[in-house]
Amino acid sequence: MRPELPTPDEAILADLETLLIALDMHPMFMRQPFKILRVNLRGVKADRLTPDLAALKERFAIMPDAELYAAWGALHNPFRLQDRGLN
């Protein structure tokens, strides 16, 4: 059982969400275990990514498992988006 971690701030969640959407790995669309996410982040080639996305990929690829898991788990939370509306 993993210890309860604080919810990452919105900037980290936004960056991770941007990266996962660009890589077609967003948890809303891809139900993958965390270990697969970790392997994919480390193994995806950054040559087809923009420099900004490549930097995000590197940042999350080296992030400690506990921090990445907390951010990844927060993206699964359906209540995270309840305040947002479609325009």
PDB file of N, CA and C in Angstrom:
ATOM      1  N   MET A   1       0.837  -1.170   0.000  1.00  0.00           N
ATOM      2  CA  MET A   1       0.000   0.000   0.000  1.00  0.00           C
ATOM      3  C   MET A   1       0.887   1.240   0.000  1.00  0.00           C
ATOM      4  N   ARG A   2       0.578   2.184  -0.862  1.00  0.00           N
ATOM      5  CA  ARG A   2       1.362   3.416  -0.973  1.00  0.00           C
ATOM      6  C   ARG A   2       0.888   4.419   0.074  1.00  0.00           C
ATOM      7  N   PRO A   3       1.851   5.185   0.647  1.00  0.00           N
ATOM      8  CA  PRO A   3       1.434   6.216   1.601  1.00  0.00           C
ATOM      9  C   PRO A   3       0.664   7.314   0.887  1.00  0.00           C
ATOM     10  N   GLU A   4      -0.193   8.001   1.630  1.00  0.00           N
ATOM     11  CA  GLU A   4      -0.982   9.102   1.072  1.00  0.00           C
ATOM     12  C   GLU A   4      -0.051  10.277   0.787  1.00  0.00           C
ATOM     13  N   LEU A   5      -0.050  10.731  -0.450  1.00  0.00           N
ATOM     14  CA  LEU A   5       0.802  11.842  -0.846  1.00  0.00           C
ATOM     15  C   LEU A   5      -0.043  13.082  -1.069  1.00  0.00           C
ATOM     16  N   PRO A   6       0.530  14.261  -0.842  1.00  0.00           N
ATOM     17  CA  PRO A   6      -0.234  15.480  -1.107  1.00  0.00           C
ATOM     18  C   PRO A   6      -0.527  15.606  -2.596  1.00  0.00           C
ATOM     19  N   THR A   7      -1.632  16.249  -2.921  1.00  0.00           N
ATOM     20  CA  THR A   7      -1.989  16.459  -4.317  1.00  0.00           C
ATOM     21  C   THR A   7      -0.989  17.436  -4.926  1.00  0.00           C
ATOM     22  N   PRO A   8      -0.425  17.083  -6.069  1.00  0.00           N
ATOM     23  CA  PRO A   8       0.518  17.997  -6.725  1.00  0.00           C
ATOM     24  C   PRO A   8      -0.182  19.289  -7.130  1.00  0.00           C
ATOM     25  N   ASP A   9       0.585  20.357  -7.261  1.00  0.00           N
ATOM     26  CA  ASP A   9      -0.038  21.622  -7.632  1.00  0.00           C
ATOM     27  C   ASP A   9      -0.500  21.578  -9.090  1.00  0.00           C
ATOM     28  N   GLU A  10      -1.357  22.514  -9.424  1.00  0.00           N
ATOM     29  CA  GLU A  10      -1.987  22.533 -10.755  1.00  0.00           C
ATOM     30  C   GLU A  10      -0.973  22.682 -11.886  1.00  0.00           C
ATOM     31  N   ALA A  11       0.138  23.377 -11.638  1.00  0.00           N
ATOM     32  CA  ALA A  11       1.146  23.547 -12.689  1.00  0.00           C
ATOM     33  C   ALA A  11       1.756  22.203 -13.081  1.00  0.00           C
ATOM     34  N   ILE A  12       2.057  21.368 -12.091  1.00  0.00           N
ATOM     35  CA  ILE A  12       2.614  20.040 -12.381  1.00  0.00           C
ATOM     36  C   ILE A  12       1.585  19.196 -13.113  1.00  0.00           C
ATOM     37  N   LEU A  13       0.335  19.240 -12.647  1.00  0.00           N
ATOM     38  CA  LEU A  13      -0.717  18.466 -13.312  1.00  0.00           C
ATOM     39  C   LEU A  13      -0.918  18.929 -14.747  1.00  0.00           C
ATOM     40  N   ALA A  14      -0.896  20.232 -14.967  1.00  0.00           N
ATOM     41  CA  ALA A  14      -1.075  20.758 -16.319  1.00  0.00           C
ATOM     42  C   ALA A  14       0.073  20.324 -17.219  1.00  0.00           C
ATOM     43  N   ASP A  15       1.302  20.372 -16.706  1.00  0.00           N
ATOM     44  CA  ASP A  15       2.457  19.945 -17.503  1.00  0.00           C
ATOM     45  C   ASP A  15       2.387  18.455 -17.837  1.00  0.00           C
ATOM     46  N   LEU A  16       2.052  17.639 -16.831  1.00  0.00           N
ATOM     47  CA  LEU A  16       1.951  16.200 -17.084  1.00  0.00           C
ATOM     48  C   LEU A  16       0.822  15.903 -18.052  1.00  0.00           C
ATOM     49  N   GLU A  17      -0.302  16.571 -17.887  1.00  0.00           N
ATOM     50  CA  GLU A  17      -1.432  16.351 -18.786  1.00  0.00           C
ATOM     51  C   GLU A  17      -1.071  16.742 -20.218  1.00  0.00           C
ATOM     52  N   THR A  18      -0.391  17.861 -20.382  1.00  0.00           N
ATOM     53  CA  THR A  18       0.047  18.300 -21.714  1.00  0.00           C
ATOM     54  C   THR A  18       0.948  17.255 -22.350  1.00  0.00           C
ATOM     55  N   LEU A  19       1.909  16.762 -21.590  1.00  0.00           N
ATOM     56  CA  LEU A  19       2.831  15.757 -22.112  1.00  0.00           C
ATOM     57  C   LEU A  19       2.103  14.474 -22.490  1.00  0.00           C
ATOM     58  N   LEU A  20       1.238  13.990 -21.610  1.00  0.00           N
ATOM     59  CA  LEU A  20       0.548  12.726 -21.880  1.00  0.00           C
ATOM     60  C   LEU A  20      -0.412  12.838 -23.057  1.00  0.00           C
ATOM     61  N   ILE A  21      -1.032  13.983 -23.233  1.00  0.00           N
ATOM     62  CA  ILE A  21      -1.888  14.182 -24.410  1.00  0.00           C
ATOM     63  C   ILE A  21      -1.038  14.159 -25.676  1.00  0.00           C
ATOM     64  N   ALA A  22       0.107  14.840 -25.644  1.00  0.00           N
ATOM     65  CA  ALA A  22       0.994  14.872 -26.816  1.00  0.00           C
ATOM     66  C   ALA A  22       1.509  13.477 -27.170  1.00  0.00           C
ATOM     67  N   LEU A  23       1.688  12.635 -26.162  1.00  0.00           N
ATOM     68  CA  LEU A  23       2.196  11.277 -26.386  1.00  0.00           C
ATOM     69  C   LEU A  23       1.074  10.245 -26.542  1.00  0.00           C
ATOM     70  N   ASP A  24      -0.173  10.701 -26.595  1.00  0.00           N
ATOM     71  CA  ASP A  24      -1.340   9.799 -26.660  1.00  0.00           C
ATOM     72  C   ASP A  24      -1.346   8.793 -25.516  1.00  0.00           C
ATOM     73  N   MET A  25      -1.001   9.273 -24.319  1.00  0.00           N
ATOM     74  CA  MET A  25      -0.943   8.399 -23.148  1.00  0.00           C
ATOM     75  C   MET A  25      -1.788   8.943 -21.994  1.00  0.00           C
ATOM     76  N   HIS A  26      -2.741   9.841 -22.271  1.00  0.00           N
ATOM     77  CA  HIS A  26      -3.535  10.435 -21.191  1.00  0.00           C
ATOM     78  C   HIS A  26      -4.362   9.358 -20.504  1.00  0.00           C
ATOM     79  N   PRO A  27      -4.434   9.375 -19.166  1.00  0.00           N
ATOM     80  CA  PRO A  27      -5.178   8.325 -18.456  1.00  0.00           C
ATOM     81  C   PRO A  27      -6.667   8.277 -18.771  1.00  0.00           C
ATOM     82  N   MET A  28      -7.250   9.379 -19.262  1.00  0.00           N
ATOM     83  CA  MET A  28      -8.659   9.321 -19.641  1.00  0.00           C
ATOM     84  C   MET A  28      -8.876   8.419 -20.854  1.00  0.00           C
ATOM     85  N   PHE A  29      -7.849   8.319 -21.691  1.00  0.00           N
ATOM     86  CA  PHE A  29      -7.974   7.557 -22.930  1.00  0.00           C
ATOM     87  C   PHE A  29      -7.222   6.234 -22.873  1.00  0.00           C
ATOM     88  N   MET A  30      -6.197   6.164 -22.062  1.00  0.00           N
ATOM     89  CA  MET A  30      -5.372   4.960 -21.964  1.00  0.00           C
ATOM     90  C   MET A  30      -5.396   4.468 -20.526  1.00  0.00           C
ATOM     91  N   ARG A  31      -6.009   3.360 -20.285  1.00  0.00           N
ATOM     92  CA  ARG A  31      -6.003   2.783 -18.938  1.00  0.00           C
ATOM     93  C   ARG A  31      -4.775   1.889 -18.830  1.00  0.00           C
ATOM     94  N   GLN A  32      -3.698   2.465 -18.368  1.00  0.00           N
ATOM     95  CA  GLN A  32      -2.457   1.719 -18.252  1.00  0.00           C
ATOM     96  C   GLN A  32      -1.974   1.751 -16.812  1.00  0.00           C
ATOM     97  N   PRO A  33      -1.361   0.677 -16.366  1.00  0.00           N
ATOM     98  CA  PRO A  33      -0.802   0.684 -15.012  1.00  0.00           C
ATOM     99  C   PRO A  33       0.331   1.707 -14.904  1.00  0.00           C
ATOM    100  N   PHE A  34       0.594   2.140 -13.689  1.00  0.00           N
ATOM    101  CA  PHE A  34       1.641   3.124 -13.468  1.00  0.00           C
ATOM    102  C   PHE A  34       2.996   2.643 -13.978  1.00  0.00           C
ATOM    103  N   LYS A  35       3.299   1.360 -13.773  1.00  0.00           N
ATOM    104  CA  LYS A  35       4.601   0.840 -14.216  1.00  0.00           C
ATOM    105  C   LYS A  35       4.775   0.982 -15.729  1.00  0.00           C
ATOM    106  N   ILE A  36       3.705   0.791 -16.477  1.00  0.00           N
ATOM    107  CA  ILE A  36       3.765   0.955 -17.929  1.00  0.00           C
ATOM    108  C   ILE A  36       3.999   2.419 -18.274  1.00  0.00           C
ATOM    109  N   LEU A  37       3.321   3.312 -17.565  1.00  0.00           N
ATOM    110  CA  LEU A  37       3.533   4.741 -17.779  1.00  0.00           C
ATOM    111  C   LEU A  37       4.996   5.087 -17.550  1.00  0.00           C
ATOM    112  N   ARG A  38       5.564   4.610 -16.461  1.00  0.00           N
ATOM    113  CA  ARG A  38       6.967   4.896 -16.126  1.00  0.00           C
ATOM    114  C   ARG A  38       7.894   4.391 -17.237  1.00  0.00           C
ATOM    115  N   VAL A  39       7.692   3.175 -17.684  1.00  0.00           N
ATOM    116  CA  VAL A  39       8.530   2.605 -18.750  1.00  0.00           C
ATOM    117  C   VAL A  39       8.387   3.413 -20.034  1.00  0.00           C
ATOM    118  N   ASN A  40       7.154   3.788 -20.368  1.00  0.00           N
ATOM    119  CA  ASN A  40       6.921   4.562 -21.581  1.00  0.00           C
ATOM    120  C   ASN A  40       7.573   5.939 -21.515  1.00  0.00           C
ATOM    121  N   LEU A  41       7.487   6.606 -20.360  1.00  0.00           N
ATOM    122  CA  LEU A  41       8.108   7.920 -20.241  1.00  0.00           C
ATOM    123  C   LEU A  41       9.621   7.844 -20.393  1.00  0.00           C
ATOM    124  N   ARG A  42      10.213   6.782 -19.898  1.00  0.00           N
ATOM    125  CA  ARG A  42      11.661   6.635 -20.021  1.00  0.00           C
ATOM    126  C   ARG A  42      12.064   6.166 -21.418  1.00  0.00           C
ATOM    127  N   GLY A  43      11.182   5.416 -22.086  1.00  0.00           N
ATOM    128  CA  GLY A  43      11.558   4.808 -23.361  1.00  0.00           C
ATOM    129  C   GLY A  43      11.158   5.566 -24.608  1.00  0.00           C
ATOM    130  N   VAL A  44      10.240   6.512 -24.487  1.00  0.00           N
ATOM    131  CA  VAL A  44       9.774   7.250 -25.664  1.00  0.00           C
ATOM    132  C   VAL A  44      10.906   8.128 -26.189  1.00  0.00           C
ATOM    133  N   LYS A  45      11.121   8.067 -27.473  1.00  0.00           N
ATOM    134  CA  LYS A  45      12.138   8.914 -28.101  1.00  0.00           C
ATOM    135  C   LYS A  45      11.618  10.346 -28.183  1.00  0.00           C
ATOM    136  N   ALA A  46      12.473  11.298 -27.846  1.00  0.00           N
ATOM    137  CA  ALA A  46      12.068  12.700 -27.809  1.00  0.00           C
ATOM    138  C   ALA A  46      12.309  13.420 -29.127  1.00  0.00           C
ATOM    139  N   ASP A  47      12.813  12.729 -30.144  1.00  0.00           N
ATOM    140  CA  ASP A  47      13.165  13.404 -31.389  1.00  0.00           C
ATOM    141  C   ASP A  47      11.963  13.954 -32.146  1.00  0.00           C
ATOM    142  N   ARG A  48      10.770  13.400 -31.942  1.00  0.00           N
ATOM    143  CA  ARG A  48       9.588  13.913 -32.635  1.00  0.00           C
ATOM    144  C   ARG A  48       8.831  14.959 -31.817  1.00  0.00           C
ATOM    145  N   LEU A  49       9.334  15.243 -30.629  1.00  0.00           N
ATOM    146  CA  LEU A  49       8.695  16.214 -29.746  1.00  0.00           C
ATOM    147  C   LEU A  49       9.306  17.599 -29.924  1.00  0.00           C
ATOM    148  N   THR A  50       8.494  18.609 -29.662  1.00  0.00           N
ATOM    149  CA  THR A  50       9.027  19.972 -29.650  1.00  0.00           C
ATOM    150  C   THR A  50      10.011  20.079 -28.480  1.00  0.00           C
ATOM    151  N   PRO A  51      10.885  21.062 -28.498  1.00  0.00           N
ATOM    152  CA  PRO A  51      11.833  21.208 -27.377  1.00  0.00           C
ATOM    153  C   PRO A  51      11.142  21.342 -26.016  1.00  0.00           C
ATOM    154  N   ASP A  52      10.021  22.052 -25.979  1.00  0.00           N
ATOM    155  CA  ASP A  52       9.298  22.196 -24.707  1.00  0.00           C
ATOM    156  C   ASP A  52       8.767  20.856 -24.214  1.00  0.00           C
ATOM    157  N   LEU A  53       8.187  20.076 -25.125  1.00  0.00           N
ATOM    158  CA  LEU A  53       7.659  18.762 -24.736  1.00  0.00           C
ATOM    159  C   LEU A  53       8.786  17.799 -24.384  1.00  0.00           C
ATOM    160  N   ALA A  54       9.905  17.883 -25.087  1.00  0.00           N
ATOM    161  CA  ALA A  54      11.057  17.030 -24.764  1.00  0.00           C
ATOM    162  C   ALA A  54      11.570  17.341 -23.356  1.00  0.00           C
ATOM    163  N   ALA A  55      11.573  18.622 -22.991  1.00  0.00           N
ATOM    164  CA  ALA A  55      11.996  19.006 -21.638  1.00  0.00           C
ATOM    165  C   ALA A  55      11.015  18.476 -20.587  1.00  0.00           C
ATOM    166  N   LEU A  56       9.715  18.548 -20.885  1.00  0.00           N
ATOM    167  CA  LEU A  56       8.717  17.986 -19.968  1.00  0.00           C
ATOM    168  C   LEU A  56       8.897  16.478 -19.825  1.00  0.00           C
ATOM    169  N   LYS A  57       9.129  15.802 -20.938  1.00  0.00           N
ATOM    170  CA  LYS A  57       9.322  14.353 -20.906  1.00  0.00           C
ATOM    171  C   LYS A  57      10.506  14.001 -20.012  1.00  0.00           C
ATOM    172  N   GLU A  58      11.599  14.718 -20.183  1.00  0.00           N
ATOM    173  CA  GLU A  58      12.791  14.454 -19.367  1.00  0.00           C
ATOM    174  C   GLU A  58      12.509  14.724 -17.896  1.00  0.00           C
ATOM    175  N   ARG A  59      11.807  15.808 -17.628  1.00  0.00           N
ATOM    176  CA  ARG A  59      11.472  16.166 -16.239  1.00  0.00           C
ATOM    177  C   ARG A  59      10.663  15.069 -15.557  1.00  0.00           C
ATOM    178  N   PHE A  60       9.650  14.558 -16.257  1.00  0.00           N
ATOM    179  CA  PHE A  60       8.812  13.526 -15.649  1.00  0.00           C
ATOM    180  C   PHE A  60       9.478  12.150 -15.683  1.00  0.00           C
ATOM    181  N   ALA A  61      10.355  11.913 -16.636  1.00  0.00           N
ATOM    182  CA  ALA A  61      11.054  10.627 -16.704  1.00  0.00           C
ATOM    183  C   ALA A  61      11.993  10.442 -15.515  1.00  0.00           C
ATOM    184  N   ILE A  62      12.563  11.546 -15.019  1.00  0.00           N
ATOM    185  CA  ILE A  62      13.497  11.426 -13.891  1.00  0.00           C
ATOM    186  C   ILE A  62      12.840  11.728 -12.546  1.00  0.00           C
ATOM    187  N   MET A  63      11.565  12.098 -12.559  1.00  0.00           N
ATOM    188  CA  MET A  63      10.851  12.400 -11.314  1.00  0.00           C
ATOM    189  C   MET A  63      10.762  11.126 -10.458  1.00  0.00           C
ATOM    190  N   PRO A  64      10.946  11.254  -9.154  1.00  0.00           N
ATOM    191  CA  PRO A  64      10.803  10.085  -8.277  1.00  0.00           C
ATOM    192  C   PRO A  64       9.420   9.433  -8.437  1.00  0.00           C
ATOM    193  N   ASP A  65       9.385   8.120  -8.302  1.00  0.00           N
ATOM    194  CA  ASP A  65       8.140   7.371  -8.488  1.00  0.00           C
ATOM    195  C   ASP A  65       6.990   7.909  -7.648  1.00  0.00           C
ATOM    196  N   ALA A  66       7.256   8.235  -6.387  1.00  0.00           N
ATOM    197  CA  ALA A  66       6.171   8.681  -5.498  1.00  0.00           C
ATOM    198  C   ALA A  66       5.541   9.979  -6.010  1.00  0.00           C
ATOM    199  N   GLU A  67       6.365  10.914  -6.488  1.00  0.00           N
ATOM    200  CA  GLU A  67       5.830  12.182  -6.994  1.00  0.00           C
ATOM    201  C   GLU A  67       5.070  11.989  -8.297  1.00  0.00           C
ATOM    202  N   LEU A  68       5.638  11.190  -9.203  1.00  0.00           N
ATOM    203  CA  LEU A  68       4.967  10.937 -10.477  1.00  0.00           C
ATOM    204  C   LEU A  68       3.658  10.185 -10.255  1.00  0.00           C
ATOM    205  N   TYR A  69       3.675   9.226  -9.329  1.00  0.00           N
ATOM    206  CA  TYR A  69       2.466   8.458  -9.034  1.00  0.00           C
ATOM    207  C   TYR A  69       1.363   9.376  -8.493  1.00  0.00           C
ATOM    208  N   ALA A  70       1.733  10.321  -7.633  1.00  0.00           N
ATOM    209  CA  ALA A  70       0.737  11.247  -7.080  1.00  0.00           C
ATOM    210  C   ALA A  70       0.133  12.103  -8.188  1.00  0.00           C
ATOM    211  N   ALA A  71       0.960  12.597  -9.102  1.00  0.00           N
ATOM    212  CA  ALA A  71       0.458  13.425 -10.206  1.00  0.00           C
ATOM    213  C   ALA A  71      -0.397  12.590 -11.155  1.00  0.00           C
ATOM    214  N   TRP A  72       0.063  11.406 -11.475  1.00  0.00           N
ATOM    215  CA  TRP A  72      -0.667  10.507 -12.377  1.00  0.00           C
ATOM    216  C   TRP A  72      -2.011  10.140 -11.756  1.00  0.00           C
ATOM    217  N   GLY A  73      -2.016   9.859 -10.459  1.00  0.00           N
ATOM    218  CA  GLY A  73      -3.264   9.537  -9.772  1.00  0.00           C
ATOM    219  C   GLY A  73      -4.223  10.710  -9.752  1.00  0.00           C
ATOM    220  N   ALA A  74      -3.685  11.920  -9.596  1.00  0.00           N
ATOM    221  CA  ALA A  74      -4.535  13.110  -9.585  1.00  0.00           C
ATOM    222  C   ALA A  74      -5.214  13.321 -10.934  1.00  0.00           C
ATOM    223  N   LEU A  75      -4.555  12.938 -12.017  1.00  0.00           N
ATOM    224  CA  LEU A  75      -5.170  13.062 -13.341  1.00  0.00           C
ATOM    225  C   LEU A  75      -6.369  12.128 -13.498  1.00  0.00           C
ATOM    226  N   HIS A  76      -6.394  11.050 -12.726  1.00  0.00           N
ATOM    227  CA  HIS A  76      -7.513  10.104 -12.762  1.00  0.00           C
ATOM    228  C   HIS A  76      -8.720  10.595 -11.973  1.00  0.00           C
ATOM    229  N   ASN A  77      -8.536  11.614 -11.159  1.00  0.00           N
ATOM    230  CA  ASN A  77      -9.590  12.085 -10.262  1.00  0.00           C
ATOM    231  C   ASN A  77     -10.654  12.849 -11.054  1.00  0.00           C
ATOM    232  N   PRO A  78     -11.867  12.313 -11.160  1.00  0.00           N
ATOM    233  CA  PRO A  78     -12.900  12.999 -11.937  1.00  0.00           C
ATOM    234  C   PRO A  78     -13.347  14.323 -11.306  1.00  0.00           C
ATOM    235  N   PHE A  79     -13.140  14.506 -10.018  1.00  0.00           N
ATOM    236  CA  PHE A  79     -13.542  15.741  -9.343  1.00  0.00           C
ATOM    237  C   PHE A  79     -12.594  16.900  -9.650  1.00  0.00           C
ATOM    238  N   ARG A  80     -11.419  16.593 -10.187  1.00  0.00           N
ATOM    239  CA  ARG A  80     -10.442  17.625 -10.518  1.00  0.00           C
ATOM    240  C   ARG A  80     -10.988  18.588 -11.560  1.00  0.00           C
ATOM    241  N   LEU A  81     -11.843  18.113 -12.437  1.00  0.00           N
ATOM    242  CA  LEU A  81     -12.348  18.933 -13.540  1.00  0.00           C
ATOM    243  C   LEU A  81     -13.761  19.455 -13.320  1.00  0.00           C
ATOM    244  N   GLN A  82     -14.355  19.235 -12.151  1.00  0.00           N
ATOM    245  CA  GLN A  82     -15.744  19.590 -11.944  1.00  0.00           C
ATOM    246  C   GLN A  82     -15.994  21.089 -12.017  1.00  0.00           C
ATOM    247  N   ASP A  83     -14.988  21.908 -11.729  1.00  0.00           N
ATOM    248  CA  ASP A  83     -15.172  23.364 -11.766  1.00  0.00           C
ATOM    249  C   ASP A  83     -15.027  23.950 -13.163  1.00  0.00           C
ATOM    250  N   ARG A  84     -14.560  23.150 -14.089  1.00  0.00           N
ATOM    251  CA  ARG A  84     -14.360  23.642 -15.452  1.00  0.00           C
ATOM    252  C   ARG A  84     -15.624  23.478 -16.270  1.00  0.00           C
ATOM    253  N   GLY A  85     -15.875  24.416 -17.143  1.00  0.00           N
ATOM    254  CA  GLY A  85     -17.046  24.331 -18.006  1.00  0.00           C
ATOM    255  C   GLY A  85     -16.652  24.391 -19.467  1.00  0.00           C
ATOM    256  N   LEU A  86     -17.455  23.830 -20.314  1.00  0.00           N
ATOM    257  CA  LEU A  86     -17.196  23.897 -21.733  1.00  0.00           C
ATOM    258  C   LEU A  86     -17.735  25.200 -22.274  1.00  0.00           C
ATOM    259  N   ASN A  87     -16.992  25.824 -23.129  1.00  0.00           N
ATOM    260  CA  ASN A  87     -17.419  27.089 -23.746  1.00  0.00           C
ATOM    261  C   ASN A  87     -17.819  26.855 -25.194  1.00  0.00           C
TER     262      ASN A  87
END
